Amino acid sequence: MYLDNSATTQVSEEVFEEMKPFFTEEFGNPSTLYGIGRESKKALDLARKRVADAINAKPEEIIFTSGGSESDNLAIKGIAFKLSKKGKHIITTNIEHPAVKNTLGFLESLDFKVTYLPVNEEGIISVEDLKEAITDETILITIMHANNELGTIQPIEEIGQIAREKGIKFHTDAVQSFGKIEVDVEKLNVDLLSLSSHKINGPKGVGALYIKKGTRVVPLIHGGGQEKGIRSGTENVPGIVGFGKACQ
């Protein structure tokens, strides 16, 4: 009996069946202009809409990545590098996933300042602590939606409201919450939100980053300009198709 679905889930039969043609006859590069490439592009567009619909976002606000860790890195580094002239202070918690914690550690080596908020006995931060931690230099708050070990759900909607009032960008890692509880980017007041396919019966190696319209990030990967130039590289079409189906 398998009881570790927070670590990963089995790909569902429906997802697998939808992916199969894109390994064989529908193998086109979505960046090409001829028929088989256009079919791959249509499949990407459908998957993007399915992911967007699942979190109440717009398709153009979804950027496909290789998974939750890359989404976290793109959100945090992308905002940090974009807004570094405005300030170099970031607020997070002391129970974040390593994809967030280690990314922030890297930024600290580049002279960014990070405040790690403590949590109470139930693993929840104090909103008052958050308010006190904000300075004129604060450019980003990154706090996970649901903790991957404790299951604790943070007051993301309230945190997002505070961030919005202060003009601070807000990112949440929703990898563990998505598919289990409601994840609505409008209700949560987030600017960036990380997702992963393999937590919801989709394939491994694919994820997404929601970037609210008007939010600008510095790309981590440069190349052919795929994903609106934010994440270059030929898209993982079968994986993205599977992710979209899992979201549906």
C-alpha atoms as a PDB file:
ATOM      1  CA  MET A   1       0.000   0.000   0.000  1.00  0.00           C
ATOM      2  CA  TYR A   2       1.424   3.370  -1.087  1.00  0.00           C
ATOM      3  CA  LEU A   3       0.886   6.210   1.396  1.00  0.00           C
ATOM      4  CA  ASP A   4       3.343   8.902   0.279  1.00  0.00           C
ATOM      5  CA  ASN A   5       1.299  10.931  -2.200  1.00  0.00           C
ATOM      6  CA  SER A   6       2.746  14.154  -0.816  1.00  0.00           C
ATOM      7  CA  ALA A   7       6.106  13.005  -2.234  1.00  0.00           C
ATOM      8  CA  THR A   8       4.732  12.028  -5.637  1.00  0.00           C
ATOM      9  CA  THR A   9       1.658  10.527  -7.253  1.00  0.00           C
ATOM     10  CA  GLN A  10       1.125   7.883  -9.890  1.00  0.00           C
ATOM     11  CA  VAL A  11       0.320   9.195 -13.364  1.00  0.00           C
ATOM     12  CA  SER A  12      -3.377   8.574 -13.959  1.00  0.00           C
ATOM     13  CA  GLU A  13      -4.500   6.461 -16.911  1.00  0.00           C
ATOM     14  CA  GLU A  14      -6.377   9.398 -18.477  1.00  0.00           C
ATOM     15  CA  VAL A  15      -3.283  11.577 -18.276  1.00  0.00           C
ATOM     16  CA  PHE A  16      -1.030   8.887 -19.733  1.00  0.00           C
ATOM     17  CA  GLU A  17      -3.383   8.257 -22.664  1.00  0.00           C
ATOM     18  CA  GLU A  18      -3.475  11.948 -23.546  1.00  0.00           C
ATOM     19  CA  MET A  19       0.316  12.187 -23.438  1.00  0.00           C
ATOM     20  CA  LYS A  20       1.096   9.145 -25.623  1.00  0.00           C
ATOM     21  CA  PRO A  21       0.549  10.669 -29.102  1.00  0.00           C
ATOM     22  CA  PHE A  22       3.034  13.441 -28.323  1.00  0.00           C
ATOM     23  CA  PHE A  23       5.839  10.917 -27.925  1.00  0.00           C
ATOM     24  CA  THR A  24       5.119   9.373 -31.343  1.00  0.00           C
ATOM     25  CA  GLU A  25       3.061  10.796 -34.228  1.00  0.00           C
ATOM     26  CA  GLU A  26       2.542  14.287 -32.740  1.00  0.00           C
ATOM     27  CA  PHE A  27       6.242  14.952 -32.178  1.00  0.00           C
ATOM     28  CA  GLY A  28       6.466  18.432 -33.723  1.00  0.00           C
ATOM     29  CA  ASN A  29       8.344  21.376 -32.271  1.00  0.00           C
ATOM     30  CA  PRO A  30       5.748  23.959 -31.183  1.00  0.00           C
ATOM     31  CA  SER A  31       8.021  26.803 -32.312  1.00  0.00           C
ATOM     32  CA  THR A  32       7.868  25.728 -35.974  1.00  0.00           C
ATOM     33  CA  LEU A  33       5.306  27.079 -38.436  1.00  0.00           C
ATOM     34  CA  TYR A  34       4.351  23.975 -40.421  1.00  0.00           C
ATOM     35  CA  GLY A  35       1.537  21.552 -39.648  1.00  0.00           C
ATOM     36  CA  ILE A  36       2.980  19.159 -37.103  1.00  0.00           C
ATOM     37  CA  GLY A  37       4.485  22.052 -35.158  1.00  0.00           C
ATOM     38  CA  ARG A  38       1.176  23.891 -35.167  1.00  0.00           C
ATOM     39  CA  GLU A  39      -0.520  20.839 -33.670  1.00  0.00           C
ATOM     40  CA  SER A  40       1.990  20.810 -30.819  1.00  0.00           C
ATOM     41  CA  LYS A  41       1.416  24.530 -30.305  1.00  0.00           C
ATOM     42  CA  LYS A  42      -2.356  23.931 -30.100  1.00  0.00           C
ATOM     43  CA  ALA A  43      -1.723  21.252 -27.469  1.00  0.00           C
ATOM     44  CA  LEU A  44       0.403  23.690 -25.436  1.00  0.00           C
ATOM     45  CA  ASP A  45      -2.285  26.351 -25.686  1.00  0.00           C
ATOM     46  CA  LEU A  46      -4.934  23.925 -24.447  1.00  0.00           C
ATOM     47  CA  ALA A  47      -2.758  22.788 -21.550  1.00  0.00           C
ATOM     48  CA  ARG A  48      -2.009  26.404 -20.621  1.00  0.00           C
ATOM     49  CA  LYS A  49      -5.730  27.163 -20.516  1.00  0.00           C
ATOM     50  CA  ARG A  50      -6.418  24.089 -18.371  1.00  0.00           C
ATOM     51  CA  VAL A  51      -3.754  25.078 -15.835  1.00  0.00           C
ATOM     52  CA  ALA A  52      -4.997  28.669 -15.808  1.00  0.00           C
ATOM     53  CA  ASP A  53      -8.629  27.607 -15.352  1.00  0.00           C
ATOM     54  CA  ALA A  54      -7.659  25.443 -12.385  1.00  0.00           C
ATOM     55  CA  ILE A  55      -6.303  28.448 -10.439  1.00  0.00           C
ATOM     56  CA  ASN A  56      -8.589  31.198 -11.829  1.00  0.00           C
ATOM     57  CA  ALA A  57      -5.816  32.790 -13.876  1.00  0.00           C
ATOM     58  CA  LYS A  58      -5.484  33.882 -17.506  1.00  0.00           C
ATOM     59  CA  PRO A  59      -3.629  31.549 -19.915  1.00  0.00           C
ATOM     60  CA  GLU A  60      -1.073  34.262 -20.697  1.00  0.00           C
ATOM     61  CA  GLU A  61      -0.167  34.378 -16.990  1.00  0.00           C
ATOM     62  CA  ILE A  62       1.077  30.747 -17.029  1.00  0.00           C
ATOM     63  CA  ILE A  63       4.743  29.965 -17.739  1.00  0.00           C
ATOM     64  CA  PHE A  64       5.672  26.296 -18.029  1.00  0.00           C
ATOM     65  CA  THR A  65       8.801  25.103 -16.201  1.00  0.00           C
ATOM     66  CA  SER A  66      10.510  21.823 -15.302  1.00  0.00           C
ATOM     67  CA  GLY A  67       8.755  21.644 -11.932  1.00  0.00           C
ATOM     68  CA  GLY A  68       8.145  23.310  -8.586  1.00  0.00           C
ATOM     69  CA  SER A  69      11.815  23.958  -7.813  1.00  0.00           C
ATOM     70  CA  GLU A  70      12.404  25.812 -11.063  1.00  0.00           C
ATOM     71  CA  SER A  71       9.184  27.774 -10.571  1.00  0.00           C
ATOM     72  CA  ASP A  72      10.339  28.835  -7.100  1.00  0.00           C
ATOM     73  CA  ASN A  73      13.763  29.826  -8.430  1.00  0.00           C
ATOM     74  CA  LEU A  74      12.286  31.793 -11.319  1.00  0.00           C
ATOM     75  CA  ALA A  75       9.855  33.635  -9.051  1.00  0.00           C
ATOM     76  CA  ILE A  76      12.337  34.512  -6.303  1.00  0.00           C
ATOM     77  CA  LYS A  77      15.463  35.246  -8.336  1.00  0.00           C
ATOM     78  CA  GLY A  78      13.413  36.810 -11.116  1.00  0.00           C
ATOM     79  CA  ILE A  79      11.864  39.369  -8.765  1.00  0.00           C
ATOM     80  CA  ALA A  80      15.042  39.871  -6.715  1.00  0.00           C
ATOM     81  CA  PHE A  81      17.154  40.696  -9.764  1.00  0.00           C
ATOM     82  CA  LYS A  82      14.413  42.807 -11.340  1.00  0.00           C
ATOM     83  CA  LEU A  83      13.845  44.945  -8.241  1.00  0.00           C
ATOM     84  CA  SER A  84      17.330  44.984  -6.677  1.00  0.00           C
ATOM     85  CA  LYS A  85      17.737  48.711  -7.340  1.00  0.00           C
ATOM     86  CA  LYS A  86      14.592  49.355  -5.310  1.00  0.00           C
ATOM     87  CA  GLY A  87      15.686  47.211  -2.364  1.00  0.00           C
ATOM     88  CA  LYS A  88      17.339  43.932  -1.391  1.00  0.00           C
ATOM     89  CA  HIS A  89      15.185  42.704   1.493  1.00  0.00           C
ATOM     90  CA  ILE A  90      13.031  39.556   1.299  1.00  0.00           C
ATOM     91  CA  ILE A  91      10.713  38.040   3.909  1.00  0.00           C
ATOM     92  CA  THR A  92      10.009  34.316   4.244  1.00  0.00           C
ATOM     93  CA  THR A  93       9.442  31.695   6.975  1.00  0.00           C
ATOM     94  CA  ASN A  94      11.792  29.268   8.680  1.00  0.00           C
ATOM     95  CA  ILE A  95       9.817  26.220   7.420  1.00  0.00           C
ATOM     96  CA  GLU A  96      10.010  26.730   3.658  1.00  0.00           C
ATOM     97  CA  HIS A  97      10.799  23.963   1.172  1.00  0.00           C
ATOM     98  CA  PRO A  98      14.514  23.736   0.219  1.00  0.00           C
ATOM     99  CA  ALA A  99      13.643  25.069  -3.244  1.00  0.00           C
ATOM    100  CA  VAL A 100      12.812  28.364  -1.529  1.00  0.00           C
ATOM    101  CA  LYS A 101      15.213  28.214   1.411  1.00  0.00           C
ATOM    102  CA  ASN A 102      18.299  27.383  -0.648  1.00  0.00           C
ATOM    103  CA  THR A 103      17.422  29.929  -3.309  1.00  0.00           C
ATOM    104  CA  LEU A 104      17.257  32.600  -0.632  1.00  0.00           C
ATOM    105  CA  GLY A 105      20.569  31.380   0.774  1.00  0.00           C
ATOM    106  CA  PHE A 106      22.105  31.937  -2.645  1.00  0.00           C
ATOM    107  CA  LEU A 107      20.689  35.462  -2.765  1.00  0.00           C
ATOM    108  CA  GLU A 108      22.131  36.154   0.690  1.00  0.00           C
ATOM    109  CA  SER A 109      25.554  35.389  -0.774  1.00  0.00           C
ATOM    110  CA  LEU A 110      24.861  38.245  -3.206  1.00  0.00           C
ATOM    111  CA  ASP A 111      24.159  40.669  -0.336  1.00  0.00           C
ATOM    112  CA  PHE A 112      20.384  40.348  -0.265  1.00  0.00           C
ATOM    113  CA  LYS A 113      18.925  40.429   3.252  1.00  0.00           C
ATOM    114  CA  VAL A 114      16.400  37.770   4.253  1.00  0.00           C
ATOM    115  CA  THR A 115      14.109  37.764   7.303  1.00  0.00           C
ATOM    116  CA  TYR A 116      13.015  34.283   8.378  1.00  0.00           C
ATOM    117  CA  LEU A 117       9.753  34.517  10.298  1.00  0.00           C
ATOM    118  CA  PRO A 118       9.247  31.970  13.121  1.00  0.00           C
ATOM    119  CA  VAL A 119       6.097  29.859  13.360  1.00  0.00           C
ATOM    120  CA  ASN A 120       3.984  28.862  16.354  1.00  0.00           C
ATOM    121  CA  GLU A 121       3.433  25.333  17.669  1.00  0.00           C
ATOM    122  CA  GLU A 122       1.004  24.685  14.801  1.00  0.00           C
ATOM    123  CA  GLY A 123       3.483  25.875  12.179  1.00  0.00           C
ATOM    124  CA  ILE A 124       1.712  29.156  11.408  1.00  0.00           C
ATOM    125  CA  ILE A 125       3.376  32.561  11.178  1.00  0.00           C
ATOM    126  CA  SER A 126       2.211  35.636  13.058  1.00  0.00           C
ATOM    127  CA  VAL A 127       0.800  38.276  10.728  1.00  0.00           C
ATOM    128  CA  GLU A 128       1.974  40.889  13.233  1.00  0.00           C
ATOM    129  CA  ASP A 129       5.532  39.544  12.946  1.00  0.00           C
ATOM    130  CA  LEU A 130       5.228  39.906   9.189  1.00  0.00           C
ATOM    131  CA  LYS A 131       4.083  43.517   9.443  1.00  0.00           C
ATOM    132  CA  GLU A 132       6.967  44.367  11.795  1.00  0.00           C
ATOM    133  CA  ALA A 133       9.497  42.765   9.439  1.00  0.00           C
ATOM    134  CA  ILE A 134       8.559  44.950   6.466  1.00  0.00           C
ATOM    135  CA  THR A 135      10.976  47.789   5.709  1.00  0.00           C
ATOM    136  CA  ASP A 136      11.390  50.354   2.940  1.00  0.00           C
ATOM    137  CA  GLU A 137      13.847  47.910   1.354  1.00  0.00           C
ATOM    138  CA  THR A 138      11.408  44.959   1.208  1.00  0.00           C
ATOM    139  CA  ILE A 139      10.778  43.892  -2.389  1.00  0.00           C
ATOM    140  CA  LEU A 140       9.407  40.363  -1.984  1.00  0.00           C
ATOM    141  CA  ILE A 141       7.500  38.164   0.439  1.00  0.00           C
ATOM    142  CA  THR A 142       7.657  34.428  -0.287  1.00  0.00           C
ATOM    143  CA  ILE A 143       5.631  32.148   1.990  1.00  0.00           C
ATOM    144  CA  MET A 144       4.408  28.675   1.091  1.00  0.00           C
ATOM    145  CA  HIS A 145       0.675  27.940   0.958  1.00  0.00           C
ATOM    146  CA  ALA A 146       0.753  24.494   2.606  1.00  0.00           C
ATOM    147  CA  ASN A 147       3.811  22.975   4.253  1.00  0.00           C
ATOM    148  CA  ASN A 148       5.078  19.755   2.685  1.00  0.00           C
ATOM    149  CA  GLU A 149       5.854  18.077   6.042  1.00  0.00           C
ATOM    150  CA  LEU A 150       3.405  19.584   8.530  1.00  0.00           C
ATOM    151  CA  GLY A 151       0.436  20.228   6.273  1.00  0.00           C
ATOM    152  CA  THR A 152       0.089  23.659   7.854  1.00  0.00           C
ATOM    153  CA  ILE A 153      -1.865  26.145   5.739  1.00  0.00           C
ATOM    154  CA  GLN A 154      -0.649  29.721   6.034  1.00  0.00           C
ATOM    155  CA  PRO A 155      -3.005  32.769   5.975  1.00  0.00           C
ATOM    156  CA  ILE A 156      -2.010  33.541   2.396  1.00  0.00           C
ATOM    157  CA  GLU A 157      -4.997  35.740   1.576  1.00  0.00           C
ATOM    158  CA  GLU A 158      -4.250  38.041   4.532  1.00  0.00           C
ATOM    159  CA  ILE A 159      -0.531  38.093   3.793  1.00  0.00           C
ATOM    160  CA  GLY A 160      -1.270  38.944   0.175  1.00  0.00           C
ATOM    161  CA  GLN A 161      -3.484  41.841   1.196  1.00  0.00           C
ATOM    162  CA  ILE A 162      -0.714  43.269   3.365  1.00  0.00           C
ATOM    163  CA  ALA A 163       1.817  42.877   0.540  1.00  0.00           C
ATOM    164  CA  ARG A 164      -0.519  44.598  -1.911  1.00  0.00           C
ATOM    165  CA  GLU A 165      -1.139  47.521   0.424  1.00  0.00           C
ATOM    166  CA  LYS A 166       2.618  47.975   0.833  1.00  0.00           C
ATOM    167  CA  GLY A 167       3.418  47.573  -2.867  1.00  0.00           C
ATOM    168  CA  ILE A 168       5.504  44.430  -2.232  1.00  0.00           C
ATOM    169  CA  LYS A 169       5.536  41.473  -4.621  1.00  0.00           C
ATOM    170  CA  PHE A 170       4.164  38.268  -3.098  1.00  0.00           C
ATOM    171  CA  HIS A 171       5.027  34.696  -4.111  1.00  0.00           C
ATOM    172  CA  THR A 172       3.624  31.484  -2.711  1.00  0.00           C
ATOM    173  CA  ASP A 173       4.702  27.903  -3.313  1.00  0.00           C
ATOM    174  CA  ALA A 174       1.393  26.076  -3.814  1.00  0.00           C
ATOM    175  CA  VAL A 175       2.928  22.766  -4.876  1.00  0.00           C
ATOM    176  CA  GLN A 176       1.486  20.865  -1.894  1.00  0.00           C
ATOM    177  CA  SER A 177      -1.866  22.637  -1.696  1.00  0.00           C
ATOM    178  CA  PHE A 178      -2.899  22.586  -5.354  1.00  0.00           C
ATOM    179  CA  GLY A 179      -5.334  19.778  -6.038  1.00  0.00           C
ATOM    180  CA  LYS A 180      -6.130  19.302  -2.350  1.00  0.00           C
ATOM    181  CA  ILE A 181      -7.661  22.650  -1.355  1.00  0.00           C
ATOM    182  CA  GLU A 182      -8.871  25.612  -3.386  1.00  0.00           C
ATOM    183  CA  VAL A 183      -6.091  27.603  -5.030  1.00  0.00           C
ATOM    184  CA  ASP A 184      -7.535  30.790  -6.531  1.00  0.00           C
ATOM    185  CA  VAL A 185      -4.900  33.386  -7.398  1.00  0.00           C
ATOM    186  CA  GLU A 186      -7.398  36.242  -7.210  1.00  0.00           C
ATOM    187  CA  LYS A 187      -8.647  35.296  -3.750  1.00  0.00           C
ATOM    188  CA  LEU A 188      -5.117  34.668  -2.495  1.00  0.00           C
ATOM    189  CA  ASN A 189      -3.841  38.108  -3.607  1.00  0.00           C
ATOM    190  CA  VAL A 190      -0.617  36.651  -5.031  1.00  0.00           C
ATOM    191  CA  ASP A 191       1.653  37.984  -7.762  1.00  0.00           C
ATOM    192  CA  LEU A 192       3.462  34.691  -8.370  1.00  0.00           C
ATOM    193  CA  LEU A 193       2.490  31.095  -7.565  1.00  0.00           C
ATOM    194  CA  SER A 194       4.395  27.835  -8.104  1.00  0.00           C
ATOM    195  CA  LEU A 195       2.799  24.561  -9.246  1.00  0.00           C
ATOM    196  CA  SER A 196       4.037  21.035  -9.926  1.00  0.00           C
ATOM    197  CA  SER A 197       2.509  18.313 -12.085  1.00  0.00           C
ATOM    198  CA  HIS A 198       3.654  15.166 -10.298  1.00  0.00           C
ATOM    199  CA  LYS A 199       1.752  16.025  -7.106  1.00  0.00           C
ATOM    200  CA  ILE A 200      -1.620  15.789  -8.888  1.00  0.00           C
ATOM    201  CA  ASN A 201      -1.309  12.534 -10.899  1.00  0.00           C
ATOM    202  CA  GLY A 202       0.552  14.210 -13.733  1.00  0.00           C
ATOM    203  CA  PRO A 203       4.064  13.401 -15.020  1.00  0.00           C
ATOM    204  CA  LYS A 204       7.322  14.381 -13.320  1.00  0.00           C
ATOM    205  CA  GLY A 205       9.589  17.043 -14.799  1.00  0.00           C
ATOM    206  CA  VAL A 206       6.961  19.671 -15.512  1.00  0.00           C
ATOM    207  CA  GLY A 207       5.462  22.525 -13.522  1.00  0.00           C
ATOM    208  CA  ALA A 208       4.270  26.080 -13.939  1.00  0.00           C
ATOM    209  CA  LEU A 209       4.701  29.544 -12.538  1.00  0.00           C
ATOM    210  CA  TYR A 210       1.746  31.892 -12.426  1.00  0.00           C
ATOM    211  CA  ILE A 211       2.933  35.462 -13.005  1.00  0.00           C
ATOM    212  CA  LYS A 212       0.218  38.071 -12.538  1.00  0.00           C
ATOM    213  CA  LYS A 213      -0.217  40.345 -15.532  1.00  0.00           C
ATOM    214  CA  GLY A 214       1.980  43.407 -15.085  1.00  0.00           C
ATOM    215  CA  THR A 215       4.541  41.614 -12.908  1.00  0.00           C
ATOM    216  CA  ARG A 216       8.024  41.592 -14.453  1.00  0.00           C
ATOM    217  CA  VAL A 217      10.778  39.051 -13.741  1.00  0.00           C
ATOM    218  CA  VAL A 218      14.320  38.582 -15.005  1.00  0.00           C
ATOM    219  CA  PRO A 219      14.573  35.253 -16.908  1.00  0.00           C
ATOM    220  CA  LEU A 220      16.899  32.560 -15.583  1.00  0.00           C
ATOM    221  CA  ILE A 221      17.221  30.744 -18.916  1.00  0.00           C
ATOM    222  CA  HIS A 222      17.985  32.654 -22.116  1.00  0.00           C
ATOM    223  CA  GLY A 223      17.682  31.239 -25.599  1.00  0.00           C
ATOM    224  CA  GLY A 224      15.060  31.030 -28.304  1.00  0.00           C
ATOM    225  CA  GLY A 225      12.440  33.091 -26.496  1.00  0.00           C
ATOM    226  CA  GLN A 226       9.918  30.381 -25.685  1.00  0.00           C
ATOM    227  CA  GLU A 227       7.346  31.011 -22.932  1.00  0.00           C
ATOM    228  CA  LYS A 228       7.232  34.734 -23.745  1.00  0.00           C
ATOM    229  CA  GLY A 229      11.006  34.934 -23.336  1.00  0.00           C
ATOM    230  CA  ILE A 230      10.704  34.181 -19.633  1.00  0.00           C
ATOM    231  CA  ARG A 231      11.735  30.522 -19.889  1.00  0.00           C
ATOM    232  CA  SER A 232      13.577  29.729 -23.126  1.00  0.00           C
ATOM    233  CA  GLY A 233      14.054  26.175 -24.347  1.00  0.00           C
ATOM    234  CA  THR A 234      11.907  23.840 -26.420  1.00  0.00           C
ATOM    235  CA  GLU A 235       8.883  22.985 -24.320  1.00  0.00           C
ATOM    236  CA  ASN A 236       8.353  19.505 -22.869  1.00  0.00           C
ATOM    237  CA  VAL A 237       5.216  18.969 -24.934  1.00  0.00           C
ATOM    238  CA  PRO A 238       4.193  15.497 -23.652  1.00  0.00           C
ATOM    239  CA  GLY A 239       4.757  16.551 -20.047  1.00  0.00           C
ATOM    240  CA  ILE A 240       2.855  19.801 -20.448  1.00  0.00           C
ATOM    241  CA  VAL A 241      -0.025  18.006 -22.133  1.00  0.00           C
ATOM    242  CA  GLY A 242      -0.123  15.587 -19.202  1.00  0.00           C
ATOM    243  CA  PHE A 243      -0.001  18.413 -16.688  1.00  0.00           C
ATOM    244  CA  GLY A 244      -2.885  20.144 -18.413  1.00  0.00           C
ATOM    245  CA  LYS A 245      -4.962  16.973 -18.406  1.00  0.00           C
ATOM    246  CA  ALA A 246      -4.212  16.377 -14.721  1.00  0.00           C
ATOM    247  CA  CYS A 247      -5.392  19.919 -13.963  1.00  0.00           C
ATOM    248  CA  GLN A 248      -8.594  19.315 -15.905  1.00  0.00           C
END
